[in-house]
Amino acid sequence: MAIIKKKVWPEFWENLSTGKKKFELRVNDFDVNEGDTLILEEWNPGTKEYTGRKIEKKVGYVLRFKLDDFGQKKDIEEKGLVVIQME
């Protein structure tokens, strides 16, 4: 099981740290698997520095897909995606 460090911008930090936001949407440019640990570090894009706040989360589920896996690439490029968290 891997430990993976990723930057998180301030506008997403609070909801992650309180547990309200229970998902991450990321470009699939790194290897992540169920059981891995994400260390999410708050990053200020204005100063280009870490704020010092970080949180550890265990990965429970990973969904990988490409834009045209469901034949909807044109619609996705035009309308974007929405991520829905269910509780």
PDB file of N, CA and C in Angstrom:
ATOM      1  N   MET A   1       0.830  -1.170   0.000  1.00  0.00           N
ATOM      2  CA  MET A   1       0.000   0.000   0.000  1.00  0.00           C
ATOM      3  C   MET A   1       0.883   1.245   0.000  1.00  0.00           C
ATOM      4  N   ALA A   2       0.538   2.142  -0.884  1.00  0.00           N
ATOM      5  CA  ALA A   2       1.359   3.326  -1.097  1.00  0.00           C
ATOM      6  C   ALA A   2       0.877   4.511  -0.267  1.00  0.00           C
ATOM      7  N   ILE A   3       1.792   5.426  -0.022  1.00  0.00           N
ATOM      8  CA  ILE A   3       1.472   6.729   0.561  1.00  0.00           C
ATOM      9  C   ILE A   3       1.693   7.751  -0.544  1.00  0.00           C
ATOM     10  N   ILE A   4       0.668   8.519  -0.853  1.00  0.00           N
ATOM     11  CA  ILE A   4       0.693   9.444  -1.984  1.00  0.00           C
ATOM     12  C   ILE A   4       0.402  10.848  -1.476  1.00  0.00           C
ATOM     13  N   LYS A   5       1.280  11.798  -1.796  1.00  0.00           N
ATOM     14  CA  LYS A   5       1.089  13.193  -1.398  1.00  0.00           C
ATOM     15  C   LYS A   5       0.549  13.994  -2.581  1.00  0.00           C
ATOM     16  N   LYS A   6      -0.489  14.805  -2.311  1.00  0.00           N
ATOM     17  CA  LYS A   6      -1.098  15.642  -3.343  1.00  0.00           C
ATOM     18  C   LYS A   6      -1.430  17.015  -2.769  1.00  0.00           C
ATOM     19  N   LYS A   7      -1.334  18.017  -3.627  1.00  0.00           N
ATOM     20  CA  LYS A   7      -1.715  19.383  -3.259  1.00  0.00           C
ATOM     21  C   LYS A   7      -3.232  19.518  -3.295  1.00  0.00           C
ATOM     22  N   VAL A   8      -3.753  20.354  -2.390  1.00  0.00           N
ATOM     23  CA  VAL A   8      -5.173  20.696  -2.376  1.00  0.00           C
ATOM     24  C   VAL A   8      -5.273  22.207  -2.218  1.00  0.00           C
ATOM     25  N   TRP A   9      -6.042  22.835  -3.080  1.00  0.00           N
ATOM     26  CA  TRP A   9      -6.209  24.286  -3.018  1.00  0.00           C
ATOM     27  C   TRP A   9      -7.105  24.664  -1.846  1.00  0.00           C
ATOM     28  N   PRO A  10      -6.924  25.867  -1.295  1.00  0.00           N
ATOM     29  CA  PRO A  10      -7.670  26.300  -0.106  1.00  0.00           C
ATOM     30  C   PRO A  10      -9.185  26.194  -0.233  1.00  0.00           C
ATOM     31  N   GLU A  11      -9.745  26.445  -1.403  1.00  0.00           N
ATOM     32  CA  GLU A  11     -11.207  26.404  -1.536  1.00  0.00           C
ATOM     33  C   GLU A  11     -11.783  25.004  -1.341  1.00  0.00           C
ATOM     34  N   PHE A  12     -10.953  23.976  -1.433  1.00  0.00           N
ATOM     35  CA  PHE A  12     -11.405  22.608  -1.206  1.00  0.00           C
ATOM     36  C   PHE A  12     -10.985  22.085   0.172  1.00  0.00           C
ATOM     37  N   TRP A  13     -10.036  22.750   0.789  1.00  0.00           N
ATOM     38  CA  TRP A  13      -9.436  22.264   2.023  1.00  0.00           C
ATOM     39  C   TRP A  13     -10.434  22.104   3.165  1.00  0.00           C
ATOM     40  N   GLU A  14     -11.211  23.115   3.458  1.00  0.00           N
ATOM     41  CA  GLU A  14     -12.114  23.076   4.607  1.00  0.00           C
ATOM     42  C   GLU A  14     -13.087  21.909   4.536  1.00  0.00           C
ATOM     43  N   ASN A  15     -13.706  21.715   3.367  1.00  0.00           N
ATOM     44  CA  ASN A  15     -14.678  20.621   3.234  1.00  0.00           C
ATOM     45  C   ASN A  15     -14.013  19.252   3.340  1.00  0.00           C
ATOM     46  N   LEU A  16     -12.760  19.140   2.911  1.00  0.00           N
ATOM     47  CA  LEU A  16     -12.023  17.881   3.095  1.00  0.00           C
ATOM     48  C   LEU A  16     -11.698  17.659   4.564  1.00  0.00           C
ATOM     49  N   SER A  17     -11.235  18.698   5.226  1.00  0.00           N
ATOM     50  CA  SER A  17     -10.790  18.536   6.612  1.00  0.00           C
ATOM     51  C   SER A  17     -11.948  18.261   7.566  1.00  0.00           C
ATOM     52  N   THR A  18     -13.144  18.757   7.246  1.00  0.00           N
ATOM     53  CA  THR A  18     -14.302  18.504   8.107  1.00  0.00           C
ATOM     54  C   THR A  18     -15.000  17.194   7.759  1.00  0.00           C
ATOM     55  N   GLY A  19     -14.653  16.599   6.622  1.00  0.00           N
ATOM     56  CA  GLY A  19     -15.277  15.354   6.205  1.00  0.00           C
ATOM     57  C   GLY A  19     -16.501  15.545   5.325  1.00  0.00           C
ATOM     58  N   LYS A  20     -16.874  16.801   5.056  1.00  0.00           N
ATOM     59  CA  LYS A  20     -18.022  17.049   4.186  1.00  0.00           C
ATOM     60  C   LYS A  20     -17.749  16.555   2.763  1.00  0.00           C
ATOM     61  N   LYS A  21     -16.548  16.823   2.261  1.00  0.00           N
ATOM     62  CA  LYS A  21     -16.135  16.376   0.925  1.00  0.00           C
ATOM     63  C   LYS A  21     -15.404  15.048   1.095  1.00  0.00           C
ATOM     64  N   LYS A  22     -15.956  13.993   0.499  1.00  0.00           N
ATOM     65  CA  LYS A  22     -15.412  12.645   0.678  1.00  0.00           C
ATOM     66  C   LYS A  22     -14.933  12.047  -0.631  1.00  0.00           C
ATOM     67  N   PHE A  23     -14.538  12.896  -1.564  1.00  0.00           N
ATOM     68  CA  PHE A  23     -14.080  12.415  -2.861  1.00  0.00           C
ATOM     69  C   PHE A  23     -12.988  13.344  -3.378  1.00  0.00           C
ATOM     70  N   GLU A  24     -12.220  12.860  -4.312  1.00  0.00           N
ATOM     71  CA  GLU A  24     -11.254  13.671  -5.045  1.00  0.00           C
ATOM     72  C   GLU A  24     -11.431  13.364  -6.519  1.00  0.00           C
ATOM     73  N   LEU A  25     -11.447  14.373  -7.333  1.00  0.00           N
ATOM     74  CA  LEU A  25     -11.463  14.218  -8.781  1.00  0.00           C
ATOM     75  C   LEU A  25     -10.101  14.682  -9.265  1.00  0.00           C
ATOM     76  N   ARG A  26      -9.334  13.786  -9.848  1.00  0.00           N
ATOM     77  CA  ARG A  26      -7.955  14.077 -10.236  1.00  0.00           C
ATOM     78  C   ARG A  26      -7.677  13.560 -11.643  1.00  0.00           C
ATOM     79  N   VAL A  27      -6.715  14.180 -12.307  1.00  0.00           N
ATOM     80  CA  VAL A  27      -6.187  13.629 -13.551  1.00  0.00           C
ATOM     81  C   VAL A  27      -5.508  12.317 -13.197  1.00  0.00           C
ATOM     82  N   ASN A  28      -5.707  11.302 -14.016  1.00  0.00           N
ATOM     83  CA  ASN A  28      -5.162   9.968 -13.760  1.00  0.00           C
ATOM     84  C   ASN A  28      -3.689   9.900 -14.182  1.00  0.00           C
ATOM     85  N   ASP A  29      -2.859  10.726 -13.538  1.00  0.00           N
ATOM     86  CA  ASP A  29      -1.435  10.780 -13.902  1.00  0.00           C
ATOM     87  C   ASP A  29      -0.532  10.204 -12.812  1.00  0.00           C
ATOM     88  N   PHE A  30      -1.132   9.431 -11.903  1.00  0.00           N
ATOM     89  CA  PHE A  30      -0.353   8.766 -10.858  1.00  0.00           C
ATOM     90  C   PHE A  30      -1.056   7.460 -10.505  1.00  0.00           C
ATOM     91  N   ASP A  31      -0.319   6.553  -9.894  1.00  0.00           N
ATOM     92  CA  ASP A  31      -0.864   5.247  -9.541  1.00  0.00           C
ATOM     93  C   ASP A  31      -1.483   5.323  -8.153  1.00  0.00           C
ATOM     94  N   VAL A  32      -2.771   5.037  -8.067  1.00  0.00           N
ATOM     95  CA  VAL A  32      -3.477   5.014  -6.787  1.00  0.00           C
ATOM     96  C   VAL A  32      -4.413   3.820  -6.766  1.00  0.00           C
ATOM     97  N   ASN A  33      -4.472   3.152  -5.644  1.00  0.00           N
ATOM     98  CA  ASN A  33      -5.280   1.945  -5.517  1.00  0.00           C
ATOM     99  C   ASN A  33      -5.998   1.919  -4.176  1.00  0.00           C
ATOM    100  N   GLU A  34      -7.047   1.125  -4.097  1.00  0.00           N
ATOM    101  CA  GLU A  34      -7.768   0.947  -2.845  1.00  0.00           C
ATOM    102  C   GLU A  34      -6.793   0.513  -1.757  1.00  0.00           C
ATOM    103  N   GLY A  35      -6.929   1.108  -0.587  1.00  0.00           N
ATOM    104  CA  GLY A  35      -6.041   0.788   0.525  1.00  0.00           C
ATOM    105  C   GLY A  35      -4.859   1.729   0.660  1.00  0.00           C
ATOM    106  N   ASP A  36      -4.537   2.477  -0.399  1.00  0.00           N
ATOM    107  CA  ASP A  36      -3.455   3.460  -0.321  1.00  0.00           C
ATOM    108  C   ASP A  36      -3.853   4.590   0.622  1.00  0.00           C
ATOM    109  N   THR A  37      -2.882   5.369   1.039  1.00  0.00           N
ATOM    110  CA  THR A  37      -3.133   6.536   1.882  1.00  0.00           C
ATOM    111  C   THR A  37      -2.804   7.790   1.097  1.00  0.00           C
ATOM    112  N   LEU A  38      -3.765   8.723   1.057  1.00  0.00           N
ATOM    113  CA  LEU A  38      -3.531  10.031   0.457  1.00  0.00           C
ATOM    114  C   LEU A  38      -3.176  11.009   1.566  1.00  0.00           C
ATOM    115  N   ILE A  39      -2.084  11.722   1.388  1.00  0.00           N
ATOM    116  CA  ILE A  39      -1.752  12.830   2.270  1.00  0.00           C
ATOM    117  C   ILE A  39      -2.037  14.082   1.451  1.00  0.00           C
ATOM    118  N   LEU A  40      -3.094  14.773   1.831  1.00  0.00           N
ATOM    119  CA  LEU A  40      -3.550  15.948   1.104  1.00  0.00           C
ATOM    120  C   LEU A  40      -3.039  17.190   1.829  1.00  0.00           C
ATOM    121  N   GLU A  41      -2.201  17.969   1.123  1.00  0.00           N
ATOM    122  CA  GLU A  41      -1.559  19.131   1.717  1.00  0.00           C
ATOM    123  C   GLU A  41      -2.110  20.408   1.088  1.00  0.00           C
ATOM    124  N   GLU A  42      -2.559  21.326   1.949  1.00  0.00           N
ATOM    125  CA  GLU A  42      -3.116  22.577   1.436  1.00  0.00           C
ATOM    126  C   GLU A  42      -2.019  23.393   0.752  1.00  0.00           C
ATOM    127  N   TRP A  43      -2.324  23.866  -0.455  1.00  0.00           N
ATOM    128  CA  TRP A  43      -1.391  24.598  -1.296  1.00  0.00           C
ATOM    129  C   TRP A  43      -2.009  25.930  -1.676  1.00  0.00           C
ATOM    130  N   ASN A  44      -1.285  26.997  -1.476  1.00  0.00           N
ATOM    131  CA  ASN A  44      -1.766  28.320  -1.860  1.00  0.00           C
ATOM    132  C   ASN A  44      -1.208  28.650  -3.240  1.00  0.00           C
ATOM    133  N   PRO A  45      -2.059  28.650  -4.282  1.00  0.00           N
ATOM    134  CA  PRO A  45      -1.552  28.914  -5.633  1.00  0.00           C
ATOM    135  C   PRO A  45      -1.070  30.351  -5.821  1.00  0.00           C
ATOM    136  N   GLY A  46      -1.543  31.266  -4.980  1.00  0.00           N
ATOM    137  CA  GLY A  46      -1.094  32.663  -5.070  1.00  0.00           C
ATOM    138  C   GLY A  46       0.345  32.839  -4.638  1.00  0.00           C
ATOM    139  N   THR A  47       0.699  32.202  -3.511  1.00  0.00           N
ATOM    140  CA  THR A  47       2.064  32.308  -2.992  1.00  0.00           C
ATOM    141  C   THR A  47       2.963  31.174  -3.486  1.00  0.00           C
ATOM    142  N   LYS A  48       2.323  30.149  -4.056  1.00  0.00           N
ATOM    143  CA  LYS A  48       3.044  28.949  -4.519  1.00  0.00           C
ATOM    144  C   LYS A  48       3.791  28.279  -3.360  1.00  0.00           C
ATOM    145  N   GLU A  49       3.089  28.197  -2.223  1.00  0.00           N
ATOM    146  CA  GLU A  49       3.660  27.568  -1.042  1.00  0.00           C
ATOM    147  C   GLU A  49       2.599  26.737  -0.331  1.00  0.00           C
ATOM    148  N   TYR A  50       3.067  25.724   0.386  1.00  0.00           N
ATOM    149  CA  TYR A  50       2.179  24.955   1.248  1.00  0.00           C
ATOM    150  C   TYR A  50       1.834  25.797   2.476  1.00  0.00           C
ATOM    151  N   THR A  51       0.611  25.638   2.985  1.00  0.00           N
ATOM    152  CA  THR A  51       0.191  26.391   4.169  1.00  0.00           C
ATOM    153  C   THR A  51       0.603  25.702   5.459  1.00  0.00           C
ATOM    154  N   GLY A  52       0.952  24.426   5.373  1.00  0.00           N
ATOM    155  CA  GLY A  52       1.315  23.656   6.560  1.00  0.00           C
ATOM    156  C   GLY A  52       0.191  22.742   7.039  1.00  0.00           C
ATOM    157  N   ARG A  53      -1.016  22.954   6.485  1.00  0.00           N
ATOM    158  CA  ARG A  53      -2.128  22.084   6.878  1.00  0.00           C
ATOM    159  C   ARG A  53      -2.167  20.861   5.970  1.00  0.00           C
ATOM    160  N   LYS A  54      -2.350  19.705   6.570  1.00  0.00           N
ATOM    161  CA  LYS A  54      -2.464  18.477   5.793  1.00  0.00           C
ATOM    162  C   LYS A  54      -3.377  17.499   6.504  1.00  0.00           C
ATOM    163  N   ILE A  55      -3.889  16.573   5.717  1.00  0.00           N
ATOM    164  CA  ILE A  55      -4.799  15.569   6.255  1.00  0.00           C
ATOM    165  C   ILE A  55      -4.519  14.242   5.567  1.00  0.00           C
ATOM    166  N   GLU A  56      -4.670  13.163   6.312  1.00  0.00           N
ATOM    167  CA  GLU A  56      -4.477  11.806   5.768  1.00  0.00           C
ATOM    168  C   GLU A  56      -5.824  11.146   5.561  1.00  0.00           C
ATOM    169  N   LYS A  57      -6.002  10.539   4.386  1.00  0.00           N
ATOM    170  CA  LYS A  57      -7.242   9.816   4.088  1.00  0.00           C
ATOM    171  C   LYS A  57      -6.894   8.480   3.444  1.00  0.00           C
ATOM    172  N   LYS A  58      -7.599   7.438   3.845  1.00  0.00           N
ATOM    173  CA  LYS A  58      -7.427   6.120   3.239  1.00  0.00           C
ATOM    174  C   LYS A  58      -8.298   6.033   1.993  1.00  0.00           C
ATOM    175  N   VAL A  59      -7.766   5.476   0.927  1.00  0.00           N
ATOM    176  CA  VAL A  59      -8.493   5.315  -0.328  1.00  0.00           C
ATOM    177  C   VAL A  59      -9.399   4.093  -0.213  1.00  0.00           C
ATOM    178  N   GLY A  60     -10.700   4.301  -0.421  1.00  0.00           N
ATOM    179  CA  GLY A  60     -11.659   3.212  -0.326  1.00  0.00           C
ATOM    180  C   GLY A  60     -12.095   2.674  -1.671  1.00  0.00           C
ATOM    181  N   TYR A  61     -12.109   3.522  -2.690  1.00  0.00           N
ATOM    182  CA  TYR A  61     -12.598   3.113  -4.012  1.00  0.00           C
ATOM    183  C   TYR A  61     -11.966   4.015  -5.050  1.00  0.00           C
ATOM    184  N   VAL A  62     -11.584   3.433  -6.184  1.00  0.00           N
ATOM    185  CA  VAL A  62     -10.997   4.191  -7.290  1.00  0.00           C
ATOM    186  C   VAL A  62     -11.773   3.864  -8.557  1.00  0.00           C
ATOM    187  N   LEU A  63     -12.260   4.884  -9.229  1.00  0.00           N
ATOM    188  CA  LEU A  63     -12.951   4.739 -10.517  1.00  0.00           C
ATOM    189  C   LEU A  63     -12.097   5.430 -11.565  1.00  0.00           C
ATOM    190  N   ARG A  64     -11.667   4.679 -12.559  1.00  0.00           N
ATOM    191  CA  ARG A  64     -10.881   5.240 -13.661  1.00  0.00           C
ATOM    192  C   ARG A  64     -11.721   5.186 -14.934  1.00  0.00           C
ATOM    193  N   PHE A  65     -11.647   6.251 -15.725  1.00  0.00           N
ATOM    194  CA  PHE A  65     -12.353   6.249 -17.008  1.00  0.00           C
ATOM    195  C   PHE A  65     -11.728   7.283 -17.925  1.00  0.00           C
ATOM    196  N   LYS A  66     -11.962   7.107 -19.198  1.00  0.00           N
ATOM    197  CA  LYS A  66     -11.537   8.068 -20.208  1.00  0.00           C
ATOM    198  C   LYS A  66     -12.785   8.804 -20.687  1.00  0.00           C
ATOM    199  N   LEU A  67     -12.605   9.972 -21.268  1.00  0.00           N
ATOM    200  CA  LEU A  67     -13.752  10.788 -21.674  1.00  0.00           C
ATOM    201  C   LEU A  67     -14.716  10.079 -22.609  1.00  0.00           C
ATOM    202  N   ASP A  68     -14.223   9.162 -23.431  1.00  0.00           N
ATOM    203  CA  ASP A  68     -15.127   8.542 -24.397  1.00  0.00           C
ATOM    204  C   ASP A  68     -15.470   7.088 -24.055  1.00  0.00           C
ATOM    205  N   ASP A  69     -15.212   6.657 -22.814  1.00  0.00           N
ATOM    206  CA  ASP A  69     -15.552   5.289 -22.421  1.00  0.00           C
ATOM    207  C   ASP A  69     -17.037   4.983 -22.609  1.00  0.00           C
ATOM    208  N   PHE A  70     -17.884   5.989 -22.496  1.00  0.00           N
ATOM    209  CA  PHE A  70     -19.319   5.793 -22.614  1.00  0.00           C
ATOM    210  C   PHE A  70     -19.885   6.467 -23.867  1.00  0.00           C
ATOM    211  N   GLY A  71     -18.979   6.825 -24.800  1.00  0.00           N
ATOM    212  CA  GLY A  71     -19.408   7.440 -26.052  1.00  0.00           C
ATOM    213  C   GLY A  71     -19.939   8.858 -25.870  1.00  0.00           C
ATOM    214  N   GLN A  72     -19.443   9.564 -24.848  1.00  0.00           N
ATOM    215  CA  GLN A  72     -19.972  10.891 -24.549  1.00  0.00           C
ATOM    216  C   GLN A  72     -18.905  11.982 -24.552  1.00  0.00           C
ATOM    217  N   LYS A  73     -17.803  11.769 -25.221  1.00  0.00           N
ATOM    218  CA  LYS A  73     -16.707  12.734 -25.187  1.00  0.00           C
ATOM    219  C   LYS A  73     -17.162  14.134 -25.603  1.00  0.00           C
ATOM    220  N   LYS A  74     -17.932  14.227 -26.683  1.00  0.00           N
ATOM    221  CA  LYS A  74     -18.381  15.537 -27.166  1.00  0.00           C
ATOM    222  C   LYS A  74     -19.232  16.246 -26.105  1.00  0.00           C
ATOM    223  N   ASP A  75     -20.174  15.512 -25.499  1.00  0.00           N
ATOM    224  CA  ASP A  75     -21.023  16.098 -24.458  1.00  0.00           C
ATOM    225  C   ASP A  75     -20.198  16.545 -23.254  1.00  0.00           C
ATOM    226  N   ILE A  76     -19.228  15.740 -22.855  1.00  0.00           N
ATOM    227  CA  ILE A  76     -18.391  16.080 -21.701  1.00  0.00           C
ATOM    228  C   ILE A  76     -17.566  17.319 -22.000  1.00  0.00           C
ATOM    229  N   GLU A  77     -16.984  17.397 -23.200  1.00  0.00           N
ATOM    230  CA  GLU A  77     -16.200  18.577 -23.555  1.00  0.00           C
ATOM    231  C   GLU A  77     -17.067  19.830 -23.584  1.00  0.00           C
ATOM    232  N   GLU A  78     -18.314  19.683 -23.993  1.00  0.00           N
ATOM    233  CA  GLU A  78     -19.223  20.822 -24.099  1.00  0.00           C
ATOM    234  C   GLU A  78     -19.812  21.219 -22.746  1.00  0.00           C
ATOM    235  N   LYS A  79     -20.215  20.228 -21.946  1.00  0.00           N
ATOM    236  CA  LYS A  79     -20.962  20.500 -20.719  1.00  0.00           C
ATOM    237  C   LYS A  79     -20.174  20.277 -19.442  1.00  0.00           C
ATOM    238  N   GLY A  80     -19.050  19.572 -19.521  1.00  0.00           N
ATOM    239  CA  GLY A  80     -18.270  19.259 -18.330  1.00  0.00           C
ATOM    240  C   GLY A  80     -18.812  18.044 -17.609  1.00  0.00           C
ATOM    241  N   LEU A  81     -18.271  17.786 -16.448  1.00  0.00           N
ATOM    242  CA  LEU A  81     -18.664  16.658 -15.614  1.00  0.00           C
ATOM    243  C   LEU A  81     -19.206  17.175 -14.291  1.00  0.00           C
ATOM    244  N   VAL A  82     -19.969  16.353 -13.626  1.00  0.00           N
ATOM    245  CA  VAL A  82     -20.420  16.639 -12.273  1.00  0.00           C
ATOM    246  C   VAL A  82     -20.077  15.409 -11.429  1.00  0.00           C
ATOM    247  N   VAL A  83     -19.590  15.629 -10.223  1.00  0.00           N
ATOM    248  CA  VAL A  83     -19.330  14.531  -9.303  1.00  0.00           C
ATOM    249  C   VAL A  83     -20.396  14.625  -8.216  1.00  0.00           C
ATOM    250  N   ILE A  84     -21.054  13.510  -7.944  1.00  0.00           N
ATOM    251  CA  ILE A  84     -22.127  13.494  -6.962  1.00  0.00           C
ATOM    252  C   ILE A  84     -21.704  12.577  -5.808  1.00  0.00           C
ATOM    253  N   GLN A  85     -21.705  13.134  -4.635  1.00  0.00           N
ATOM    254  CA  GLN A  85     -21.400  12.352  -3.437  1.00  0.00           C
ATOM    255  C   GLN A  85     -22.709  11.921  -2.804  1.00  0.00           C
ATOM    256  N   MET A  86     -22.815  10.660  -2.508  1.00  0.00           N
ATOM    257  CA  MET A  86     -24.041  10.145  -1.879  1.00  0.00           C
ATOM    258  C   MET A  86     -23.758   9.732  -0.453  1.00  0.00           C
ATOM    259  N   GLU A  87     -24.718   9.935   0.416  1.00  0.00           N
ATOM    260  CA  GLU A  87     -24.528   9.576   1.831  1.00  0.00           C
ATOM    261  C   GLU A  87     -25.653   8.713   2.305  1.00  0.00           C
TER     262      GLU A  87
END
